[in-house]
Amino acid sequence: MKTDTIIYKYTREMAIRDRVLIDITPLAFDMGFKIPVAVTNTLYTKYFLPTQKEEFEGESTPSRIWDMLTILYLTSKNHNSNVRLFTMAAKFKNSYKLVTVKAVVSPGDTSDPVLTIMLPNED
């Protein structure tokens, strides 16, 4: 019986350490999510980091993430698929726009389920 040899394994923990994924689990748990949650760095830097002016106006990274998690939570109540596309309003370059986001539940490093939220073109 032939077995394949793993040459290199890149884990979720490594991706979080490398900031490829941003761990938002504490905020997600506060909201009622039951599994670890991370967002891709691309999604995080593009839509969740307010400018200095926006911070002065009361915007914050946690509040933007909370808003996204709220939309995901409400639109996923009766959804049984492991992949979910949803739309959120995001502030981008001084105006709001609708952004489609993808949420994927998959096995994590220990095979327990984890949730990763990303832009639709990301894997």
PDB file of N, CA and C in Angstrom:
ATOM      1  N   MET A   1       0.840  -1.176   0.000  1.00  0.00           N
ATOM      2  CA  MET A   1       0.000   0.000   0.000  1.00  0.00           C
ATOM      3  C   MET A   1       0.888   1.243   0.000  1.00  0.00           C
ATOM      4  N   LYS A   2       0.644   2.130  -0.932  1.00  0.00           N
ATOM      5  CA  LYS A   2       1.439   3.344  -1.055  1.00  0.00           C
ATOM      6  C   LYS A   2       0.814   4.455  -0.208  1.00  0.00           C
ATOM      7  N   THR A   3       1.655   5.157   0.526  1.00  0.00           N
ATOM      8  CA  THR A   3       1.176   6.306   1.297  1.00  0.00           C
ATOM      9  C   THR A   3       1.934   7.539   0.843  1.00  0.00           C
ATOM     10  N   ASP A   4       1.245   8.658   0.832  1.00  0.00           N
ATOM     11  CA  ASP A   4       1.874   9.922   0.458  1.00  0.00           C
ATOM     12  C   ASP A   4       2.610  10.504   1.650  1.00  0.00           C
ATOM     13  N   THR A   5       3.685  11.191   1.365  1.00  0.00           N
ATOM     14  CA  THR A   5       4.469  11.846   2.400  1.00  0.00           C
ATOM     15  C   THR A   5       4.108  13.322   2.425  1.00  0.00           C
ATOM     16  N   ILE A   6       3.798  13.819   3.604  1.00  0.00           N
ATOM     17  CA  ILE A   6       3.516  15.245   3.745  1.00  0.00           C
ATOM     18  C   ILE A   6       4.846  15.982   3.769  1.00  0.00           C
ATOM     19  N   ILE A   7       5.016  16.901   2.838  1.00  0.00           N
ATOM     20  CA  ILE A   7       6.256  17.672   2.762  1.00  0.00           C
ATOM     21  C   ILE A   7       6.179  18.884   3.679  1.00  0.00           C
ATOM     22  N   TYR A   8       5.031  19.550   3.675  1.00  0.00           N
ATOM     23  CA  TYR A   8       4.879  20.744   4.499  1.00  0.00           C
ATOM     24  C   TYR A   8       3.411  20.907   4.849  1.00  0.00           C
ATOM     25  N   LYS A   9       3.143  21.272   6.071  1.00  0.00           N
ATOM     26  CA  LYS A   9       1.770  21.473   6.527  1.00  0.00           C
ATOM     27  C   LYS A   9       1.665  22.882   7.098  1.00  0.00           C
ATOM     28  N   TYR A  10       0.761  23.686   6.526  1.00  0.00           N
ATOM     29  CA  TYR A  10       0.533  25.048   7.002  1.00  0.00           C
ATOM     30  C   TYR A  10      -0.783  25.042   7.765  1.00  0.00           C
ATOM     31  N   THR A  11      -0.725  25.239   9.060  1.00  0.00           N
ATOM     32  CA  THR A  11      -1.902  25.114   9.907  1.00  0.00           C
ATOM     33  C   THR A  11      -2.609  26.450  10.087  1.00  0.00           C
ATOM     34  N   ARG A  12      -3.824  26.377  10.575  1.00  0.00           N
ATOM     35  CA  ARG A  12      -4.573  27.591  10.897  1.00  0.00           C
ATOM     36  C   ARG A  12      -3.840  28.390  11.972  1.00  0.00           C
ATOM     37  N   GLU A  13      -3.302  27.696  12.959  1.00  0.00           N
ATOM     38  CA  GLU A  13      -2.544  28.373  14.015  1.00  0.00           C
ATOM     39  C   GLU A  13      -1.368  29.154  13.424  1.00  0.00           C
ATOM     40  N   MET A  14      -0.685  28.566  12.451  1.00  0.00           N
ATOM     41  CA  MET A  14       0.426  29.259  11.795  1.00  0.00           C
ATOM     42  C   MET A  14      -0.085  30.467  11.011  1.00  0.00           C
ATOM     43  N   ALA A  15      -1.215  30.312  10.331  1.00  0.00           N
ATOM     44  CA  ALA A  15      -1.785  31.416   9.556  1.00  0.00           C
ATOM     45  C   ALA A  15      -2.174  32.574  10.467  1.00  0.00           C
ATOM     46  N   ILE A  16      -2.691  32.274  11.650  1.00  0.00           N
ATOM     47  CA  ILE A  16      -3.026  33.328  12.615  1.00  0.00           C
ATOM     48  C   ILE A  16      -1.750  33.982  13.132  1.00  0.00           C
ATOM     49  N   ARG A  17      -0.751  33.194  13.444  1.00  0.00           N
ATOM     50  CA  ARG A  17       0.524  33.742  13.915  1.00  0.00           C
ATOM     51  C   ARG A  17       1.165  34.639  12.843  1.00  0.00           C
ATOM     52  N   ASP A  18       1.052  34.235  11.568  1.00  0.00           N
ATOM     53  CA  ASP A  18       1.623  34.998  10.457  1.00  0.00           C
ATOM     54  C   ASP A  18       0.744  36.168  10.020  1.00  0.00           C
ATOM     55  N   ARG A  19      -0.428  36.307  10.634  1.00  0.00           N
ATOM     56  CA  ARG A  19      -1.402  37.359  10.321  1.00  0.00           C
ATOM     57  C   ARG A  19      -2.014  37.205   8.923  1.00  0.00           C
ATOM     58  N   VAL A  20      -1.965  36.002   8.378  1.00  0.00           N
ATOM     59  CA  VAL A  20      -2.704  35.687   7.159  1.00  0.00           C
ATOM     60  C   VAL A  20      -4.184  35.628   7.512  1.00  0.00           C
ATOM     61  N   LEU A  21      -4.463  35.107   8.706  1.00  0.00           N
ATOM     62  CA  LEU A  21      -5.803  35.127   9.296  1.00  0.00           C
ATOM     63  C   LEU A  21      -5.746  35.954  10.570  1.00  0.00           C
ATOM     64  N   ILE A  22      -6.826  36.680  10.839  1.00  0.00           N
ATOM     65  CA  ILE A  22      -6.946  37.478  12.054  1.00  0.00           C
ATOM     66  C   ILE A  22      -7.980  36.801  12.945  1.00  0.00           C
ATOM     67  N   ASP A  23      -7.565  36.407  14.131  1.00  0.00           N
ATOM     68  CA  ASP A  23      -8.452  35.712  15.067  1.00  0.00           C
ATOM     69  C   ASP A  23      -9.413  36.703  15.710  1.00  0.00           C
ATOM     70  N   ILE A  24     -10.703  36.485  15.513  1.00  0.00           N
ATOM     71  CA  ILE A  24     -11.727  37.340  16.134  1.00  0.00           C
ATOM     72  C   ILE A  24     -12.612  36.515  17.069  1.00  0.00           C
ATOM     73  N   THR A  25     -12.087  35.390  17.519  1.00  0.00           N
ATOM     74  CA  THR A  25     -12.849  34.470  18.361  1.00  0.00           C
ATOM     75  C   THR A  25     -13.409  35.116  19.623  1.00  0.00           C
ATOM     76  N   PRO A  26     -12.633  35.903  20.391  1.00  0.00           N
ATOM     77  CA  PRO A  26     -13.214  36.485  21.614  1.00  0.00           C
ATOM     78  C   PRO A  26     -14.472  37.312  21.341  1.00  0.00           C
ATOM     79  N   LEU A  27     -14.442  38.130  20.310  1.00  0.00           N
ATOM     80  CA  LEU A  27     -15.614  38.939  19.965  1.00  0.00           C
ATOM     81  C   LEU A  27     -16.760  38.045  19.487  1.00  0.00           C
ATOM     82  N   ALA A  28     -16.432  37.036  18.693  1.00  0.00           N
ATOM     83  CA  ALA A  28     -17.459  36.112  18.202  1.00  0.00           C
ATOM     84  C   ALA A  28     -18.096  35.334  19.354  1.00  0.00           C
ATOM     85  N   PHE A  29     -17.285  34.890  20.315  1.00  0.00           N
ATOM     86  CA  PHE A  29     -17.829  34.182  21.479  1.00  0.00           C
ATOM     87  C   PHE A  29     -18.730  35.107  22.296  1.00  0.00           C
ATOM     88  N   ASP A  30     -18.342  36.376  22.446  1.00  0.00           N
ATOM     89  CA  ASP A  30     -19.194  37.346  23.145  1.00  0.00           C
ATOM     90  C   ASP A  30     -20.559  37.456  22.483  1.00  0.00           C
ATOM     91  N   MET A  31     -20.583  37.292  21.163  1.00  0.00           N
ATOM     92  CA  MET A  31     -21.821  37.413  20.415  1.00  0.00           C
ATOM     93  C   MET A  31     -22.642  36.130  20.425  1.00  0.00           C
ATOM     94  N   GLY A  32     -22.056  35.017  20.819  1.00  0.00           N
ATOM     95  CA  GLY A  32     -22.803  33.769  20.876  1.00  0.00           C
ATOM     96  C   GLY A  32     -22.344  32.695  19.917  1.00  0.00           C
ATOM     97  N   PHE A  33     -21.333  32.978  19.122  1.00  0.00           N
ATOM     98  CA  PHE A  33     -20.789  31.940  18.251  1.00  0.00           C
ATOM     99  C   PHE A  33     -20.156  30.861  19.123  1.00  0.00           C
ATOM    100  N   LYS A  34     -20.207  29.626  18.671  1.00  0.00           N
ATOM    101  CA  LYS A  34     -19.748  28.487  19.475  1.00  0.00           C
ATOM    102  C   LYS A  34     -18.428  27.893  19.003  1.00  0.00           C
ATOM    103  N   ILE A  35     -17.906  28.358  17.874  1.00  0.00           N
ATOM    104  CA  ILE A  35     -16.652  27.821  17.338  1.00  0.00           C
ATOM    105  C   ILE A  35     -15.686  28.973  17.072  1.00  0.00           C
ATOM    106  N   PRO A  36     -14.386  28.690  17.007  1.00  0.00           N
ATOM    107  CA  PRO A  36     -13.408  29.747  16.725  1.00  0.00           C
ATOM    108  C   PRO A  36     -13.679  30.412  15.374  1.00  0.00           C
ATOM    109  N   VAL A  37     -13.439  31.721  15.318  1.00  0.00           N
ATOM    110  CA  VAL A  37     -13.712  32.504  14.112  1.00  0.00           C
ATOM    111  C   VAL A  37     -12.486  33.344  13.763  1.00  0.00           C
ATOM    112  N   ALA A  38     -12.148  33.348  12.484  1.00  0.00           N
ATOM    113  CA  ALA A  38     -11.066  34.197  11.983  1.00  0.00           C
ATOM    114  C   ALA A  38     -11.507  34.820  10.667  1.00  0.00           C
ATOM    115  N   VAL A  39     -10.921  35.971  10.349  1.00  0.00           N
ATOM    116  CA  VAL A  39     -11.152  36.622   9.059  1.00  0.00           C
ATOM    117  C   VAL A  39      -9.819  36.705   8.328  1.00  0.00           C
ATOM    118  N   THR A  40      -9.887  36.759   7.018  1.00  0.00           N
ATOM    119  CA  THR A  40      -8.647  36.893   6.261  1.00  0.00           C
ATOM    120  C   THR A  40      -8.075  38.288   6.451  1.00  0.00           C
ATOM    121  N   ASN A  41      -6.776  38.389   6.313  1.00  0.00           N
ATOM    122  CA  ASN A  41      -6.104  39.678   6.440  1.00  0.00           C
ATOM    123  C   ASN A  41      -6.617  40.660   5.397  1.00  0.00           C
ATOM    124  N   THR A  42      -6.919  40.182   4.205  1.00  0.00           N
ATOM    125  CA  THR A  42      -7.427  41.059   3.146  1.00  0.00           C
ATOM    126  C   THR A  42      -8.749  41.693   3.548  1.00  0.00           C
ATOM    127  N   LEU A  43      -9.678  40.888   4.019  1.00  0.00           N
ATOM    128  CA  LEU A  43     -10.970  41.411   4.469  1.00  0.00           C
ATOM    129  C   LEU A  43     -10.775  42.375   5.630  1.00  0.00           C
ATOM    130  N   TYR A  44      -9.950  41.991   6.575  1.00  0.00           N
ATOM    131  CA  TYR A  44      -9.704  42.797   7.776  1.00  0.00           C
ATOM    132  C   TYR A  44      -9.127  44.164   7.420  1.00  0.00           C
ATOM    133  N   THR A  45      -8.075  44.191   6.625  1.00  0.00           N
ATOM    134  CA  THR A  45      -7.416  45.472   6.332  1.00  0.00           C
ATOM    135  C   THR A  45      -8.233  46.341   5.384  1.00  0.00           C
ATOM    136  N   LYS A  46      -8.997  45.731   4.518  1.00  0.00           N
ATOM    137  CA  LYS A  46      -9.766  46.511   3.546  1.00  0.00           C
ATOM    138  C   LYS A  46     -11.030  47.128   4.140  1.00  0.00           C
ATOM    139  N   TYR A  47     -11.690  46.416   5.063  1.00  0.00           N
ATOM    140  CA  TYR A  47     -13.000  46.872   5.520  1.00  0.00           C
ATOM    141  C   TYR A  47     -13.143  47.096   7.022  1.00  0.00           C
ATOM    142  N   PHE A  48     -12.239  46.616   7.834  1.00  0.00           N
ATOM    143  CA  PHE A  48     -12.427  46.728   9.280  1.00  0.00           C
ATOM    144  C   PHE A  48     -11.530  47.750   9.964  1.00  0.00           C
ATOM    145  N   LEU A  49     -10.550  48.284   9.268  1.00  0.00           N
ATOM    146  CA  LEU A  49      -9.648  49.260   9.878  1.00  0.00           C
ATOM    147  C   LEU A  49     -10.077  50.673   9.500  1.00  0.00           C
ATOM    148  N   PRO A  50     -10.650  51.415  10.444  1.00  0.00           N
ATOM    149  CA  PRO A  50     -11.079  52.774  10.126  1.00  0.00           C
ATOM    150  C   PRO A  50      -9.881  53.713   9.989  1.00  0.00           C
ATOM    151  N   THR A  51     -10.076  54.759   9.210  1.00  0.00           N
ATOM    152  CA  THR A  51      -9.059  55.803   9.117  1.00  0.00           C
ATOM    153  C   THR A  51      -9.060  56.605  10.413  1.00  0.00           C
ATOM    154  N   GLN A  52      -8.075  57.453  10.575  1.00  0.00           N
ATOM    155  CA  GLN A  52      -8.004  58.293  11.770  1.00  0.00           C
ATOM    156  C   GLN A  52      -9.242  59.194  11.864  1.00  0.00           C
ATOM    157  N   LYS A  53      -9.687  59.722  10.733  1.00  0.00           N
ATOM    158  CA  LYS A  53     -10.889  60.564  10.698  1.00  0.00           C
ATOM    159  C   LYS A  53     -12.122  59.760  11.115  1.00  0.00           C
ATOM    160  N   GLU A  54     -12.235  58.540  10.617  1.00  0.00           N
ATOM    161  CA  GLU A  54     -13.375  57.690  10.964  1.00  0.00           C
ATOM    162  C   GLU A  54     -13.354  57.320  12.443  1.00  0.00           C
ATOM    163  N   GLU A  55     -12.162  57.089  12.992  1.00  0.00           N
ATOM    164  CA  GLU A  55     -12.055  56.827  14.431  1.00  0.00           C
ATOM    165  C   GLU A  55     -12.528  58.027  15.227  1.00  0.00           C
ATOM    166  N   PHE A  56     -12.161  59.219  14.793  1.00  0.00           N
ATOM    167  CA  PHE A  56     -12.602  60.447  15.450  1.00  0.00           C
ATOM    168  C   PHE A  56     -14.125  60.558  15.402  1.00  0.00           C
ATOM    169  N   GLU A  57     -14.723  60.049  14.335  1.00  0.00           N
ATOM    170  CA  GLU A  57     -16.181  60.084  14.170  1.00  0.00           C
ATOM    171  C   GLU A  57     -16.874  58.938  14.911  1.00  0.00           C
ATOM    172  N   GLY A  58     -16.105  58.089  15.600  1.00  0.00           N
ATOM    173  CA  GLY A  58     -16.699  57.032  16.414  1.00  0.00           C
ATOM    174  C   GLY A  58     -16.604  55.630  15.850  1.00  0.00           C
ATOM    175  N   GLU A  59     -16.018  55.474  14.672  1.00  0.00           N
ATOM    176  CA  GLU A  59     -15.851  54.142  14.086  1.00  0.00           C
ATOM    177  C   GLU A  59     -14.734  53.396  14.813  1.00  0.00           C
ATOM    178  N   SER A  60     -14.860  52.075  14.899  1.00  0.00           N
ATOM    179  CA  SER A  60     -13.796  51.266  15.494  1.00  0.00           C
ATOM    180  C   SER A  60     -13.764  49.898  14.818  1.00  0.00           C
ATOM    181  N   THR A  61     -12.619  49.262  14.888  1.00  0.00           N
ATOM    182  CA  THR A  61     -12.489  47.915  14.326  1.00  0.00           C
ATOM    183  C   THR A  61     -13.447  46.937  15.001  1.00  0.00           C
ATOM    184  N   PRO A  62     -13.501  46.894  16.346  1.00  0.00           N
ATOM    185  CA  PRO A  62     -14.446  45.951  16.972  1.00  0.00           C
ATOM    186  C   PRO A  62     -15.904  46.192  16.573  1.00  0.00           C
ATOM    187  N   SER A  63     -16.306  47.454  16.430  1.00  0.00           N
ATOM    188  CA  SER A  63     -17.706  47.711  16.063  1.00  0.00           C
ATOM    189  C   SER A  63     -17.991  47.270  14.634  1.00  0.00           C
ATOM    190  N   ARG A  64     -17.028  47.435  13.753  1.00  0.00           N
ATOM    191  CA  ARG A  64     -17.219  46.978  12.371  1.00  0.00           C
ATOM    192  C   ARG A  64     -17.288  45.449  12.310  1.00  0.00           C
ATOM    193  N   ILE A  65     -16.435  44.786  13.071  1.00  0.00           N
ATOM    194  CA  ILE A  65     -16.476  43.316  13.112  1.00  0.00           C
ATOM    195  C   ILE A  65     -17.790  42.846  13.730  1.00  0.00           C
ATOM    196  N   TRP A  66     -18.224  43.505  14.794  1.00  0.00           N
ATOM    197  CA  TRP A  66     -19.490  43.158  15.453  1.00  0.00           C
ATOM    198  C   TRP A  66     -20.649  43.255  14.464  1.00  0.00           C
ATOM    199  N   ASP A  67     -20.674  44.333  13.669  1.00  0.00           N
ATOM    200  CA  ASP A  67     -21.732  44.504  12.673  1.00  0.00           C
ATOM    201  C   ASP A  67     -21.732  43.348  11.670  1.00  0.00           C
ATOM    202  N   MET A  68     -20.551  42.966  11.190  1.00  0.00           N
ATOM    203  CA  MET A  68     -20.450  41.869  10.236  1.00  0.00           C
ATOM    204  C   MET A  68     -20.909  40.556  10.862  1.00  0.00           C
ATOM    205  N   LEU A  69     -20.486  40.305  12.100  1.00  0.00           N
ATOM    206  CA  LEU A  69     -20.897  39.078  12.787  1.00  0.00           C
ATOM    207  C   LEU A  69     -22.405  39.050  13.025  1.00  0.00           C
ATOM    208  N   THR A  70     -22.996  40.195  13.315  1.00  0.00           N
ATOM    209  CA  THR A  70     -24.448  40.276  13.500  1.00  0.00           C
ATOM    210  C   THR A  70     -25.174  39.865  12.230  1.00  0.00           C
ATOM    211  N   ILE A  71     -24.738  40.398  11.100  1.00  0.00           N
ATOM    212  CA  ILE A  71     -25.365  40.055   9.823  1.00  0.00           C
ATOM    213  C   ILE A  71     -25.201  38.564   9.542  1.00  0.00           C
ATOM    214  N   LEU A  72     -24.005  38.049   9.750  1.00  0.00           N
ATOM    215  CA  LEU A  72     -23.767  36.618   9.529  1.00  0.00           C
ATOM    216  C   LEU A  72     -24.653  35.775  10.441  1.00  0.00           C
ATOM    217  N   TYR A  73     -24.711  36.131  11.699  1.00  0.00           N
ATOM    218  CA  TYR A  73     -25.514  35.379  12.667  1.00  0.00           C
ATOM    219  C   TYR A  73     -26.990  35.362  12.258  1.00  0.00           C
ATOM    220  N   LEU A  74     -27.523  36.532  11.920  1.00  0.00           N
ATOM    221  CA  LEU A  74     -28.946  36.630  11.582  1.00  0.00           C
ATOM    222  C   LEU A  74     -29.282  35.930  10.268  1.00  0.00           C
ATOM    223  N   THR A  75     -28.377  35.978   9.309  1.00  0.00           N
ATOM    224  CA  THR A  75     -28.669  35.350   8.016  1.00  0.00           C
ATOM    225  C   THR A  75     -28.359  33.860   7.998  1.00  0.00           C
ATOM    226  N   SER A  76     -27.740  33.357   9.051  1.00  0.00           N
ATOM    227  CA  SER A  76     -27.358  31.939   9.089  1.00  0.00           C
ATOM    228  C   SER A  76     -28.234  31.093   9.996  1.00  0.00           C
ATOM    229  N   LYS A  77     -29.213  31.690  10.644  1.00  0.00           N
ATOM    230  CA  LYS A  77     -30.027  30.970  11.628  1.00  0.00           C
ATOM    231  C   LYS A  77     -30.603  29.670  11.072  1.00  0.00           C
ATOM    232  N   ASN A  78     -31.112  29.683   9.851  1.00  0.00           N
ATOM    233  CA  ASN A  78     -31.740  28.492   9.272  1.00  0.00           C
ATOM    234  C   ASN A  78     -30.974  27.998   8.053  1.00  0.00           C
ATOM    235  N   HIS A  79     -29.684  28.146   8.082  1.00  0.00           N
ATOM    236  CA  HIS A  79     -28.834  27.787   6.949  1.00  0.00           C
ATOM    237  C   HIS A  79     -27.949  26.617   7.354  1.00  0.00           C
ATOM    238  N   ASN A  80     -28.011  25.516   6.633  1.00  0.00           N
ATOM    239  CA  ASN A  80     -27.289  24.313   7.042  1.00  0.00           C
ATOM    240  C   ASN A  80     -26.020  24.028   6.244  1.00  0.00           C
ATOM    241  N   SER A  81     -25.706  24.834   5.256  1.00  0.00           N
ATOM    242  CA  SER A  81     -24.518  24.593   4.443  1.00  0.00           C
ATOM    243  C   SER A  81     -23.259  25.037   5.185  1.00  0.00           C
ATOM    244  N   ASN A  82     -22.122  24.453   4.835  1.00  0.00           N
ATOM    245  CA  ASN A  82     -20.871  24.876   5.469  1.00  0.00           C
ATOM    246  C   ASN A  82     -20.287  26.125   4.808  1.00  0.00           C
ATOM    247  N   VAL A  83     -20.858  26.555   3.679  1.00  0.00           N
ATOM    248  CA  VAL A  83     -20.429  27.788   3.012  1.00  0.00           C
ATOM    249  C   VAL A  83     -21.616  28.728   2.945  1.00  0.00           C
ATOM    250  N   ARG A  84     -21.389  29.962   3.336  1.00  0.00           N
ATOM    251  CA  ARG A  84     -22.474  30.947   3.362  1.00  0.00           C
ATOM    252  C   ARG A  84     -21.976  32.243   2.754  1.00  0.00           C
ATOM    253  N   LEU A  85     -22.655  32.737   1.724  1.00  0.00           N
ATOM    254  CA  LEU A  85     -22.387  34.064   1.177  1.00  0.00           C
ATOM    255  C   LEU A  85     -23.398  35.024   1.773  1.00  0.00           C
ATOM    256  N   PHE A  86     -22.932  36.183   2.188  1.00  0.00           N
ATOM    257  CA  PHE A  86     -23.842  37.202   2.698  1.00  0.00           C
ATOM    258  C   PHE A  86     -23.304  38.569   2.320  1.00  0.00           C
ATOM    259  N   THR A  87     -24.167  39.569   2.417  1.00  0.00           N
ATOM    260  CA  THR A  87     -23.804  40.928   2.033  1.00  0.00           C
ATOM    261  C   THR A  87     -23.818  41.818   3.256  1.00  0.00           C
ATOM    262  N   MET A  88     -22.805  42.663   3.342  1.00  0.00           N
ATOM    263  CA  MET A  88     -22.736  43.626   4.442  1.00  0.00           C
ATOM    264  C   MET A  88     -22.432  45.002   3.864  1.00  0.00           C
ATOM    265  N   ALA A  89     -22.855  46.023   4.579  1.00  0.00           N
ATOM    266  CA  ALA A  89     -22.495  47.392   4.211  1.00  0.00           C
ATOM    267  C   ALA A  89     -21.153  47.697   4.854  1.00  0.00           C
ATOM    268  N   ALA A  90     -20.216  48.171   4.054  1.00  0.00           N
ATOM    269  CA  ALA A  90     -18.878  48.466   4.570  1.00  0.00           C
ATOM    270  C   ALA A  90     -18.455  49.852   4.111  1.00  0.00           C
ATOM    271  N   LYS A  91     -17.815  50.568   5.013  1.00  0.00           N
ATOM    272  CA  LYS A  91     -17.299  51.883   4.663  1.00  0.00           C
ATOM    273  C   LYS A  91     -15.971  51.690   3.951  1.00  0.00           C
ATOM    274  N   PHE A  92     -15.865  52.283   2.779  1.00  0.00           N
ATOM    275  CA  PHE A  92     -14.667  52.139   1.964  1.00  0.00           C
ATOM    276  C   PHE A  92     -14.433  53.442   1.229  1.00  0.00           C
ATOM    277  N   LYS A  93     -13.304  54.078   1.504  1.00  0.00           N
ATOM    278  CA  LYS A  93     -12.953  55.348   0.862  1.00  0.00           C
ATOM    279  C   LYS A  93     -14.067  56.378   1.007  1.00  0.00           C
ATOM    280  N   ASN A  94     -14.470  56.627   2.244  1.00  0.00           N
ATOM    281  CA  ASN A  94     -15.424  57.680   2.611  1.00  0.00           C
ATOM    282  C   ASN A  94     -16.859  57.454   2.164  1.00  0.00           C
ATOM    283  N   SER A  95     -17.210  56.269   1.715  1.00  0.00           N
ATOM    284  CA  SER A  95     -18.611  55.995   1.409  1.00  0.00           C
ATOM    285  C   SER A  95     -18.907  54.533   1.735  1.00  0.00           C
ATOM    286  N   TYR A  96     -20.187  54.250   1.881  1.00  0.00           N
ATOM    287  CA  TYR A  96     -20.593  52.874   2.164  1.00  0.00           C
ATOM    288  C   TYR A  96     -20.876  52.151   0.861  1.00  0.00           C
ATOM    289  N   LYS A  97     -20.546  50.880   0.840  1.00  0.00           N
ATOM    290  CA  LYS A  97     -20.888  50.050  -0.308  1.00  0.00           C
ATOM    291  C   LYS A  97     -21.260  48.665   0.197  1.00  0.00           C
ATOM    292  N   LEU A  98     -22.027  47.948  -0.605  1.00  0.00           N
ATOM    293  CA  LEU A  98     -22.386  46.579  -0.253  1.00  0.00           C
ATOM    294  C   LEU A  98     -21.261  45.649  -0.689  1.00  0.00           C
ATOM    295  N   VAL A  99     -20.847  44.806   0.230  1.00  0.00           N
ATOM    296  CA  VAL A  99     -19.737  43.888  -0.008  1.00  0.00           C
ATOM    297  C   VAL A  99     -20.232  42.466   0.240  1.00  0.00           C
ATOM    298  N   THR A 100     -19.986  41.582  -0.697  1.00  0.00           N
ATOM    299  CA  THR A 100     -20.310  40.172  -0.503  1.00  0.00           C
ATOM    300  C   THR A 100     -19.148  39.505   0.214  1.00  0.00           C
ATOM    301  N   VAL A 101     -19.487  38.734   1.225  1.00  0.00           N
ATOM    302  CA  VAL A 101     -18.499  38.068   2.065  1.00  0.00           C
ATOM    303  C   VAL A 101     -18.850  36.582   2.119  1.00  0.00           C
ATOM    304  N   LYS A 102     -17.821  35.749   2.244  1.00  0.00           N
ATOM    305  CA  LYS A 102     -18.020  34.298   2.308  1.00  0.00           C
ATOM    306  C   LYS A 102     -17.594  33.794   3.680  1.00  0.00           C
ATOM    307  N   ALA A 103     -18.450  32.994   4.296  1.00  0.00           N
ATOM    308  CA  ALA A 103     -18.143  32.355   5.577  1.00  0.00           C
ATOM    309  C   ALA A 103     -18.102  30.848   5.343  1.00  0.00           C
ATOM    310  N   VAL A 104     -17.025  30.209   5.805  1.00  0.00           N
ATOM    311  CA  VAL A 104     -16.831  28.780   5.575  1.00  0.00           C
ATOM    312  C   VAL A 104     -16.555  28.086   6.907  1.00  0.00           C
ATOM    313  N   VAL A 105     -17.358  27.081   7.213  1.00  0.00           N
ATOM    314  CA  VAL A 105     -17.098  26.222   8.371  1.00  0.00           C
ATOM    315  C   VAL A 105     -16.361  24.994   7.847  1.00  0.00           C
ATOM    316  N   SER A 106     -15.216  24.718   8.453  1.00  0.00           N
ATOM    317  CA  SER A 106     -14.397  23.584   8.017  1.00  0.00           C
ATOM    318  C   SER A 106     -13.650  23.016   9.218  1.00  0.00           C
ATOM    319  N   PRO A 107     -13.028  21.855   9.055  1.00  0.00           N
ATOM    320  CA  PRO A 107     -12.236  21.312  10.165  1.00  0.00           C
ATOM    321  C   PRO A 107     -10.996  22.173  10.408  1.00  0.00           C
ATOM    322  N   GLY A 108     -10.713  22.437  11.667  1.00  0.00           N
ATOM    323  CA  GLY A 108      -9.513  23.180  12.026  1.00  0.00           C
ATOM    324  C   GLY A 108      -8.328  22.248  12.202  1.00  0.00           C
ATOM    325  N   ASP A 109      -7.301  22.740  12.853  1.00  0.00           N
ATOM    326  CA  ASP A 109      -6.068  21.971  13.047  1.00  0.00           C
ATOM    327  C   ASP A 109      -6.297  20.665  13.808  1.00  0.00           C
ATOM    328  N   THR A 110      -7.293  20.652  14.699  1.00  0.00           N
ATOM    329  CA  THR A 110      -7.581  19.445  15.490  1.00  0.00           C
ATOM    330  C   THR A 110      -8.827  18.721  14.989  1.00  0.00           C
ATOM    331  N   SER A 111      -9.281  19.086  13.812  1.00  0.00           N
ATOM    332  CA  SER A 111     -10.480  18.535  13.169  1.00  0.00           C
ATOM    333  C   SER A 111     -11.781  19.057  13.762  1.00  0.00           C
ATOM    334  N   ASP A 112     -11.726  19.849  14.831  1.00  0.00           N
ATOM    335  CA  ASP A 112     -12.932  20.498  15.344  1.00  0.00           C
ATOM    336  C   ASP A 112     -13.318  21.618  14.384  1.00  0.00           C
ATOM    337  N   PRO A 113     -14.615  21.948  14.289  1.00  0.00           N
ATOM    338  CA  PRO A 113     -15.032  22.969  13.333  1.00  0.00           C
ATOM    339  C   PRO A 113     -14.515  24.361  13.696  1.00  0.00           C
ATOM    340  N   VAL A 114     -14.175  25.110  12.657  1.00  0.00           N
ATOM    341  CA  VAL A 114     -13.777  26.509  12.779  1.00  0.00           C
ATOM    342  C   VAL A 114     -14.485  27.282  11.676  1.00  0.00           C
ATOM    343  N   LEU A 115     -14.629  28.577  11.874  1.00  0.00           N
ATOM    344  CA  LEU A 115     -15.276  29.445  10.896  1.00  0.00           C
ATOM    345  C   LEU A 115     -14.246  30.425  10.369  1.00  0.00           C
ATOM    346  N   THR A 116     -14.155  30.522   9.047  1.00  0.00           N
ATOM    347  CA  THR A 116     -13.263  31.482   8.409  1.00  0.00           C
ATOM    348  C   THR A 116     -14.106  32.372   7.509  1.00  0.00           C
ATOM    349  N   ILE A 117     -13.926  33.687   7.652  1.00  0.00           N
ATOM    350  CA  ILE A 117     -14.701  34.660   6.891  1.00  0.00           C
ATOM    351  C   ILE A 117     -13.742  35.385   5.960  1.00  0.00           C
ATOM    352  N   MET A 118     -14.147  35.503   4.690  1.00  0.00           N
ATOM    353  CA  MET A 118     -13.241  36.011   3.661  1.00  0.00           C
ATOM    354  C   MET A 118     -14.014  36.678   2.540  1.00  0.00           C
ATOM    355  N   LEU A 119     -13.296  37.276   1.614  1.00  0.00           N
ATOM    356  CA  LEU A 119     -13.901  37.768   0.386  1.00  0.00           C
ATOM    357  C   LEU A 119     -14.179  36.565  -0.513  1.00  0.00           C
ATOM    358  N   PRO A 120     -15.172  36.654  -1.403  1.00  0.00           N
ATOM    359  CA  PRO A 120     -15.571  35.488  -2.201  1.00  0.00           C
ATOM    360  C   PRO A 120     -14.455  34.884  -3.056  1.00  0.00           C
ATOM    361  N   ASN A 121     -13.482  35.681  -3.463  1.00  0.00           N
ATOM    362  CA  ASN A 121     -12.411  35.165  -4.320  1.00  0.00           C
ATOM    363  C   ASN A 121     -11.267  34.530  -3.532  1.00  0.00           C
ATOM    364  N   GLU A 122     -11.365  34.513  -2.208  1.00  0.00           N
ATOM    365  CA  GLU A 122     -10.327  33.918  -1.377  1.00  0.00           C
ATOM    366  C   GLU A 122     -10.703  32.480  -1.016  1.00  0.00           C
ATOM    367  N   ASP A 123      -9.681  31.676  -0.722  1.00  0.00           N
ATOM    368  CA  ASP A 123      -9.919  30.295  -0.282  1.00  0.00           C
ATOM    369  C   ASP A 123      -9.459  30.111   1.133  1.00  0.00           C
TER     370      ASP A 123
END
